[in-house]
């Protein structure tokens, strides 16, 4: 029998399959045994590519982070770039909400996550933000994005008008789930705009004067 032209198992195939299992059933449902079965191989075969289950999870998490667009930091104003990044970041996480708790632990040793952090931090420091403040801004946006991707505000309300009879200010709450996209997207956009507006105001008050004073005559 001729040998196959490509290996049965690759890192990319393992990562893609693992992400599919996590998307379908959550982080807790992923095991090396189940992953191997989904791939049609024996469990030990996975260890030819990844030393541990955590290494697989790291690769899965990094594959999601790698889809986030940070290119705006090299093209546009820092504040506009933050908005581009936050929206792209949320889209990536919202597509795979079950991996968000693992991603929220931080970049660790993950290459794409470190590259993203470097781009954000570098863009802010390059715009004149003090290093400590740049760290705070990056963290604040990450908290906001991750929190917004973890769940849906609208879907937290059930479609049962009777449930809200004792709560006069919630008389229309049963309608929220039917408008999930507009509610959640509207809330995210409102919050992001408020954050960026506040950061822009702080920049103009504290950083811009220093940048102007340091500019050559």
C-alpha atoms as a PDB file:
ATOM      1  CA  UNK A   1       0.000   0.000   0.000  1.00  0.00           C
ATOM      2  CA  UNK A   2       1.504   3.392  -0.946  1.00  0.00           C
ATOM      3  CA  UNK A   3       2.258   5.770   1.903  1.00  0.00           C
ATOM      4  CA  UNK A   4      -0.150   8.727   2.263  1.00  0.00           C
ATOM      5  CA  UNK A   5       1.072  11.981   0.783  1.00  0.00           C
ATOM      6  CA  UNK A   6       0.601  13.835   4.065  1.00  0.00           C
ATOM      7  CA  UNK A   7       0.590  12.833   7.693  1.00  0.00           C
ATOM      8  CA  UNK A   8      -2.721  11.695   9.137  1.00  0.00           C
ATOM      9  CA  UNK A   9      -2.287  14.042  12.067  1.00  0.00           C
ATOM     10  CA  UNK A  10      -0.999  17.624  12.099  1.00  0.00           C
ATOM     11  CA  UNK A  11      -0.864  20.346  14.727  1.00  0.00           C
ATOM     12  CA  UNK A  12      -3.359  22.427  12.752  1.00  0.00           C
ATOM     13  CA  UNK A  13      -5.823  19.559  12.515  1.00  0.00           C
ATOM     14  CA  UNK A  14      -5.557  18.870  16.239  1.00  0.00           C
ATOM     15  CA  UNK A  15      -6.119  22.534  17.078  1.00  0.00           C
ATOM     16  CA  UNK A  16      -9.070  22.918  14.706  1.00  0.00           C
ATOM     17  CA  UNK A  17     -10.755  19.782  16.020  1.00  0.00           C
ATOM     18  CA  UNK A  18     -10.138  20.734  19.657  1.00  0.00           C
ATOM     19  CA  UNK A  19     -11.624  24.179  19.066  1.00  0.00           C
ATOM     20  CA  UNK A  20     -14.675  22.587  17.476  1.00  0.00           C
ATOM     21  CA  UNK A  21     -15.191  20.374  20.542  1.00  0.00           C
ATOM     22  CA  UNK A  22     -14.811  23.341  22.890  1.00  0.00           C
ATOM     23  CA  UNK A  23     -17.218  25.426  20.815  1.00  0.00           C
ATOM     24  CA  UNK A  24     -19.782  22.631  20.914  1.00  0.00           C
ATOM     25  CA  UNK A  25     -19.553  21.460  24.521  1.00  0.00           C
ATOM     26  CA  UNK A  26     -17.319  23.791  26.536  1.00  0.00           C
ATOM     27  CA  UNK A  27     -13.829  23.635  28.005  1.00  0.00           C
ATOM     28  CA  UNK A  28     -14.733  20.946  30.507  1.00  0.00           C
ATOM     29  CA  UNK A  29     -15.728  18.549  27.756  1.00  0.00           C
ATOM     30  CA  UNK A  30     -12.297  18.494  26.151  1.00  0.00           C
ATOM     31  CA  UNK A  31     -10.140  15.502  26.979  1.00  0.00           C
ATOM     32  CA  UNK A  32      -7.289  13.916  25.086  1.00  0.00           C
ATOM     33  CA  UNK A  33      -9.326  10.722  24.794  1.00  0.00           C
ATOM     34  CA  UNK A  34     -12.299  12.506  23.254  1.00  0.00           C
ATOM     35  CA  UNK A  35     -10.072  14.594  21.009  1.00  0.00           C
ATOM     36  CA  UNK A  36      -8.245  11.514  19.760  1.00  0.00           C
ATOM     37  CA  UNK A  37     -11.565   9.781  19.040  1.00  0.00           C
ATOM     38  CA  UNK A  38     -12.777  12.798  17.064  1.00  0.00           C
ATOM     39  CA  UNK A  39      -9.572  12.699  15.045  1.00  0.00           C
ATOM     40  CA  UNK A  40      -9.799   8.954  14.503  1.00  0.00           C
ATOM     41  CA  UNK A  41      -6.462   8.205  16.153  1.00  0.00           C
ATOM     42  CA  UNK A  42      -5.132   6.699  19.362  1.00  0.00           C
ATOM     43  CA  UNK A  43      -4.540   9.041  22.298  1.00  0.00           C
ATOM     44  CA  UNK A  44      -0.746   8.678  22.385  1.00  0.00           C
ATOM     45  CA  UNK A  45      -0.575  10.009  18.818  1.00  0.00           C
ATOM     46  CA  UNK A  46      -1.453  13.473  20.125  1.00  0.00           C
ATOM     47  CA  UNK A  47       1.718  13.569  22.197  1.00  0.00           C
ATOM     48  CA  UNK A  48       3.831  13.443  19.065  1.00  0.00           C
ATOM     49  CA  UNK A  49       2.621  17.007  18.497  1.00  0.00           C
ATOM     50  CA  UNK A  50       1.743  18.353  21.958  1.00  0.00           C
ATOM     51  CA  UNK A  51       3.359  17.342  25.227  1.00  0.00           C
ATOM     52  CA  UNK A  52       0.283  17.977  27.392  1.00  0.00           C
ATOM     53  CA  UNK A  53      -3.409  18.826  27.229  1.00  0.00           C
ATOM     54  CA  UNK A  54      -2.536  22.339  28.431  1.00  0.00           C
ATOM     55  CA  UNK A  55      -0.238  22.719  25.441  1.00  0.00           C
ATOM     56  CA  UNK A  56      -3.178  21.867  23.188  1.00  0.00           C
ATOM     57  CA  UNK A  57      -5.347  24.437  24.981  1.00  0.00           C
ATOM     58  CA  UNK A  58      -2.613  27.041  24.612  1.00  0.00           C
ATOM     59  CA  UNK A  59      -2.470  26.394  20.875  1.00  0.00           C
ATOM     60  CA  UNK A  60      -6.262  26.541  20.580  1.00  0.00           C
ATOM     61  CA  UNK A  61      -6.413  29.825  22.487  1.00  0.00           C
ATOM     62  CA  UNK A  62      -3.612  31.283  20.403  1.00  0.00           C
ATOM     63  CA  UNK A  63      -5.343  30.287  17.173  1.00  0.00           C
ATOM     64  CA  UNK A  64      -8.297  32.450  18.218  1.00  0.00           C
ATOM     65  CA  UNK A  65      -6.072  35.369  19.238  1.00  0.00           C
ATOM     66  CA  UNK A  66      -4.234  35.140  15.915  1.00  0.00           C
ATOM     67  CA  UNK A  67      -7.426  36.207  14.128  1.00  0.00           C
ATOM     68  CA  UNK A  68      -7.510  39.556  15.972  1.00  0.00           C
ATOM     69  CA  UNK A  69      -6.490  42.505  13.790  1.00  0.00           C
ATOM     70  CA  UNK A  70      -3.920  44.827  15.388  1.00  0.00           C
ATOM     71  CA  UNK A  71      -2.737  46.382  12.142  1.00  0.00           C
ATOM     72  CA  UNK A  72      -4.472  49.693  12.878  1.00  0.00           C
ATOM     73  CA  UNK A  73      -1.778  50.587  15.416  1.00  0.00           C
ATOM     74  CA  UNK A  74       0.651  51.040  12.525  1.00  0.00           C
ATOM     75  CA  UNK A  75      -1.815  52.998  10.379  1.00  0.00           C
ATOM     76  CA  UNK A  76      -4.030  55.348  12.366  1.00  0.00           C
ATOM     77  CA  UNK A  77      -4.280  57.469  15.510  1.00  0.00           C
ATOM     78  CA  UNK A  78      -3.886  55.508  18.780  1.00  0.00           C
ATOM     79  CA  UNK A  79      -7.506  56.076  19.857  1.00  0.00           C
ATOM     80  CA  UNK A  80      -8.963  54.967  16.542  1.00  0.00           C
ATOM     81  CA  UNK A  81      -6.605  51.989  16.591  1.00  0.00           C
ATOM     82  CA  UNK A  82      -7.859  50.997  20.041  1.00  0.00           C
ATOM     83  CA  UNK A  83     -11.396  50.952  18.679  1.00  0.00           C
ATOM     84  CA  UNK A  84     -10.421  48.812  15.686  1.00  0.00           C
ATOM     85  CA  UNK A  85      -8.583  46.389  17.957  1.00  0.00           C
ATOM     86  CA  UNK A  86     -11.378  46.158  20.534  1.00  0.00           C
ATOM     87  CA  UNK A  87     -14.019  45.424  17.907  1.00  0.00           C
ATOM     88  CA  UNK A  88     -11.854  42.810  16.183  1.00  0.00           C
ATOM     89  CA  UNK A  89     -10.928  41.260  19.536  1.00  0.00           C
ATOM     90  CA  UNK A  90     -14.562  41.014  20.605  1.00  0.00           C
ATOM     91  CA  UNK A  91     -15.572  39.465  17.278  1.00  0.00           C
ATOM     92  CA  UNK A  92     -12.907  36.789  17.687  1.00  0.00           C
ATOM     93  CA  UNK A  93     -13.969  35.978  21.252  1.00  0.00           C
ATOM     94  CA  UNK A  94     -17.692  36.151  20.539  1.00  0.00           C
ATOM     95  CA  UNK A  95     -17.210  33.530  17.820  1.00  0.00           C
ATOM     96  CA  UNK A  96     -15.705  31.168  20.422  1.00  0.00           C
ATOM     97  CA  UNK A  97     -17.107  32.169  23.846  1.00  0.00           C
ATOM     98  CA  UNK A  98     -16.269  28.866  25.516  1.00  0.00           C
ATOM     99  CA  UNK A  99     -12.530  29.531  25.200  1.00  0.00           C
ATOM    100  CA  UNK A 100     -12.783  33.022  26.742  1.00  0.00           C
ATOM    101  CA  UNK A 101     -12.187  31.928  30.373  1.00  0.00           C
ATOM    102  CA  UNK A 102      -8.938  30.267  29.310  1.00  0.00           C
ATOM    103  CA  UNK A 103      -7.868  33.266  27.235  1.00  0.00           C
ATOM    104  CA  UNK A 104      -8.660  35.591  30.128  1.00  0.00           C
ATOM    105  CA  UNK A 105      -5.802  34.084  32.137  1.00  0.00           C
ATOM    106  CA  UNK A 106      -3.371  36.178  30.086  1.00  0.00           C
ATOM    107  CA  UNK A 107      -0.923  35.643  27.242  1.00  0.00           C
ATOM    108  CA  UNK A 108       1.427  33.308  29.073  1.00  0.00           C
ATOM    109  CA  UNK A 109       3.866  31.972  26.485  1.00  0.00           C
ATOM    110  CA  UNK A 110       1.430  32.101  23.558  1.00  0.00           C
ATOM    111  CA  UNK A 111       3.065  33.763  20.518  1.00  0.00           C
ATOM    112  CA  UNK A 112      -0.013  35.410  18.989  1.00  0.00           C
ATOM    113  CA  UNK A 113      -1.164  36.712  22.367  1.00  0.00           C
ATOM    114  CA  UNK A 114       2.262  38.191  23.082  1.00  0.00           C
ATOM    115  CA  UNK A 115       2.355  39.766  19.612  1.00  0.00           C
ATOM    116  CA  UNK A 116      -1.062  41.325  20.220  1.00  0.00           C
ATOM    117  CA  UNK A 117      -0.009  42.710  23.607  1.00  0.00           C
ATOM    118  CA  UNK A 118       3.171  44.082  22.066  1.00  0.00           C
ATOM    119  CA  UNK A 119       1.258  45.849  19.284  1.00  0.00           C
ATOM    120  CA  UNK A 120      -1.234  47.448  21.676  1.00  0.00           C
ATOM    121  CA  UNK A 121       1.342  48.491  24.261  1.00  0.00           C
ATOM    122  CA  UNK A 122       3.766  49.691  21.601  1.00  0.00           C
ATOM    123  CA  UNK A 123       1.073  51.732  19.873  1.00  0.00           C
ATOM    124  CA  UNK A 124       0.105  53.466  23.101  1.00  0.00           C
ATOM    125  CA  UNK A 125       3.641  54.174  24.281  1.00  0.00           C
ATOM    126  CA  UNK A 126       4.545  55.337  20.797  1.00  0.00           C
ATOM    127  CA  UNK A 127       1.696  57.851  21.017  1.00  0.00           C
ATOM    128  CA  UNK A 128       3.161  59.286  24.198  1.00  0.00           C
ATOM    129  CA  UNK A 129       1.269  57.455  26.924  1.00  0.00           C
ATOM    130  CA  UNK A 130       3.494  56.706  29.955  1.00  0.00           C
ATOM    131  CA  UNK A 131       4.326  52.977  30.114  1.00  0.00           C
ATOM    132  CA  UNK A 132       2.314  52.386  33.292  1.00  0.00           C
ATOM    133  CA  UNK A 133      -0.732  54.118  31.833  1.00  0.00           C
ATOM    134  CA  UNK A 134      -0.390  52.200  28.576  1.00  0.00           C
ATOM    135  CA  UNK A 135      -0.484  48.989  30.605  1.00  0.00           C
ATOM    136  CA  UNK A 136      -3.634  50.154  32.408  1.00  0.00           C
ATOM    137  CA  UNK A 137      -5.349  51.042  29.129  1.00  0.00           C
ATOM    138  CA  UNK A 138      -4.549  47.719  27.492  1.00  0.00           C
ATOM    139  CA  UNK A 139      -5.771  45.860  30.571  1.00  0.00           C
ATOM    140  CA  UNK A 140      -8.961  47.916  30.838  1.00  0.00           C
ATOM    141  CA  UNK A 141      -9.893  47.267  27.209  1.00  0.00           C
ATOM    142  CA  UNK A 142      -9.117  43.570  27.581  1.00  0.00           C
ATOM    143  CA  UNK A 143     -11.336  43.324  30.683  1.00  0.00           C
ATOM    144  CA  UNK A 144     -14.146  45.062  28.832  1.00  0.00           C
ATOM    145  CA  UNK A 145     -13.873  42.979  25.674  1.00  0.00           C
ATOM    146  CA  UNK A 146     -13.565  39.653  27.493  1.00  0.00           C
ATOM    147  CA  UNK A 147     -16.511  40.450  29.739  1.00  0.00           C
ATOM    148  CA  UNK A 148     -18.703  41.403  26.807  1.00  0.00           C
ATOM    149  CA  UNK A 149     -17.850  38.161  25.014  1.00  0.00           C
ATOM    150  CA  UNK A 150     -18.573  35.882  27.966  1.00  0.00           C
ATOM    151  CA  UNK A 151     -22.308  36.131  27.689  1.00  0.00           C
ATOM    152  CA  UNK A 152     -25.348  37.952  26.406  1.00  0.00           C
ATOM    153  CA  UNK A 153     -27.179  40.518  28.519  1.00  0.00           C
ATOM    154  CA  UNK A 154     -30.285  40.129  26.375  1.00  0.00           C
ATOM    155  CA  UNK A 155     -30.389  36.337  26.648  1.00  0.00           C
ATOM    156  CA  UNK A 156     -30.341  36.620  30.433  1.00  0.00           C
ATOM    157  CA  UNK A 157     -34.025  37.539  30.332  1.00  0.00           C
ATOM    158  CA  UNK A 158     -36.588  34.845  29.549  1.00  0.00           C
ATOM    159  CA  UNK A 159     -39.552  35.341  27.236  1.00  0.00           C
ATOM    160  CA  UNK A 160     -42.183  35.136  29.969  1.00  0.00           C
ATOM    161  CA  UNK A 161     -44.094  38.389  30.629  1.00  0.00           C
ATOM    162  CA  UNK A 162     -45.632  36.976  33.827  1.00  0.00           C
ATOM    163  CA  UNK A 163     -42.201  36.633  35.391  1.00  0.00           C
ATOM    164  CA  UNK A 164     -41.782  40.401  35.459  1.00  0.00           C
ATOM    165  CA  UNK A 165     -45.256  41.308  36.719  1.00  0.00           C
ATOM    166  CA  UNK A 166     -43.885  42.251  40.145  1.00  0.00           C
ATOM    167  CA  UNK A 167     -41.179  44.434  38.606  1.00  0.00           C
ATOM    168  CA  UNK A 168     -42.833  47.464  37.012  1.00  0.00           C
ATOM    169  CA  UNK A 169     -39.661  48.764  35.421  1.00  0.00           C
ATOM    170  CA  UNK A 170     -39.101  45.440  33.640  1.00  0.00           C
ATOM    171  CA  UNK A 171     -42.456  45.242  31.870  1.00  0.00           C
ATOM    172  CA  UNK A 172     -40.704  44.884  28.490  1.00  0.00           C
ATOM    173  CA  UNK A 173     -37.826  42.669  29.655  1.00  0.00           C
ATOM    174  CA  UNK A 174     -39.403  39.580  28.069  1.00  0.00           C
ATOM    175  CA  UNK A 175     -38.706  41.149  24.678  1.00  0.00           C
ATOM    176  CA  UNK A 176     -34.954  41.506  25.186  1.00  0.00           C
ATOM    177  CA  UNK A 177     -33.998  37.973  24.138  1.00  0.00           C
ATOM    178  CA  UNK A 178     -35.705  38.545  20.797  1.00  0.00           C
ATOM    179  CA  UNK A 179     -33.460  41.526  20.172  1.00  0.00           C
ATOM    180  CA  UNK A 180     -30.221  39.966  21.352  1.00  0.00           C
ATOM    181  CA  UNK A 181     -27.983  41.242  18.581  1.00  0.00           C
ATOM    182  CA  UNK A 182     -29.126  44.857  18.694  1.00  0.00           C
ATOM    183  CA  UNK A 183     -29.069  44.986  22.504  1.00  0.00           C
ATOM    184  CA  UNK A 184     -25.666  43.385  22.944  1.00  0.00           C
ATOM    185  CA  UNK A 185     -24.033  45.172  20.028  1.00  0.00           C
ATOM    186  CA  UNK A 186     -25.543  48.488  21.063  1.00  0.00           C
ATOM    187  CA  UNK A 187     -24.346  48.060  24.644  1.00  0.00           C
ATOM    188  CA  UNK A 188     -20.837  47.127  23.546  1.00  0.00           C
ATOM    189  CA  UNK A 189     -20.592  50.075  21.160  1.00  0.00           C
ATOM    190  CA  UNK A 190     -21.919  52.506  23.781  1.00  0.00           C
ATOM    191  CA  UNK A 191     -19.440  51.323  26.383  1.00  0.00           C
ATOM    192  CA  UNK A 192     -16.518  51.298  23.978  1.00  0.00           C
ATOM    193  CA  UNK A 193     -17.312  54.809  22.755  1.00  0.00           C
ATOM    194  CA  UNK A 194     -17.506  56.032  26.348  1.00  0.00           C
ATOM    195  CA  UNK A 195     -14.160  54.426  27.203  1.00  0.00           C
ATOM    196  CA  UNK A 196     -12.449  55.879  24.160  1.00  0.00           C
ATOM    197  CA  UNK A 197     -13.968  59.320  24.749  1.00  0.00           C
ATOM    198  CA  UNK A 198     -12.685  59.310  28.313  1.00  0.00           C
ATOM    199  CA  UNK A 199      -9.231  58.167  27.246  1.00  0.00           C
ATOM    200  CA  UNK A 200      -9.095  60.813  24.528  1.00  0.00           C
ATOM    201  CA  UNK A 201      -9.998  63.487  27.072  1.00  0.00           C
ATOM    202  CA  UNK A 202      -7.314  62.260  29.481  1.00  0.00           C
ATOM    203  CA  UNK A 203      -4.762  62.208  26.678  1.00  0.00           C
ATOM    204  CA  UNK A 204      -5.543  65.789  25.685  1.00  0.00           C
ATOM    205  CA  UNK A 205      -5.328  66.873  29.311  1.00  0.00           C
ATOM    206  CA  UNK A 206      -2.177  65.045  30.406  1.00  0.00           C
ATOM    207  CA  UNK A 207      -0.161  63.688  27.475  1.00  0.00           C
ATOM    208  CA  UNK A 208      -0.707  66.064  24.554  1.00  0.00           C
ATOM    209  CA  UNK A 209       0.754  69.125  26.356  1.00  0.00           C
ATOM    210  CA  UNK A 210       3.939  67.169  27.075  1.00  0.00           C
ATOM    211  CA  UNK A 211       4.134  65.963  23.478  1.00  0.00           C
ATOM    212  CA  UNK A 212       3.747  69.532  22.191  1.00  0.00           C
ATOM    213  CA  UNK A 213       6.374  70.824  24.600  1.00  0.00           C
ATOM    214  CA  UNK A 214       8.822  68.151  23.505  1.00  0.00           C
ATOM    215  CA  UNK A 215       8.268  68.750  19.786  1.00  0.00           C
ATOM    216  CA  UNK A 216      11.200  70.442  18.002  1.00  0.00           C
ATOM    217  CA  UNK A 217      10.769  74.107  17.056  1.00  0.00           C
END
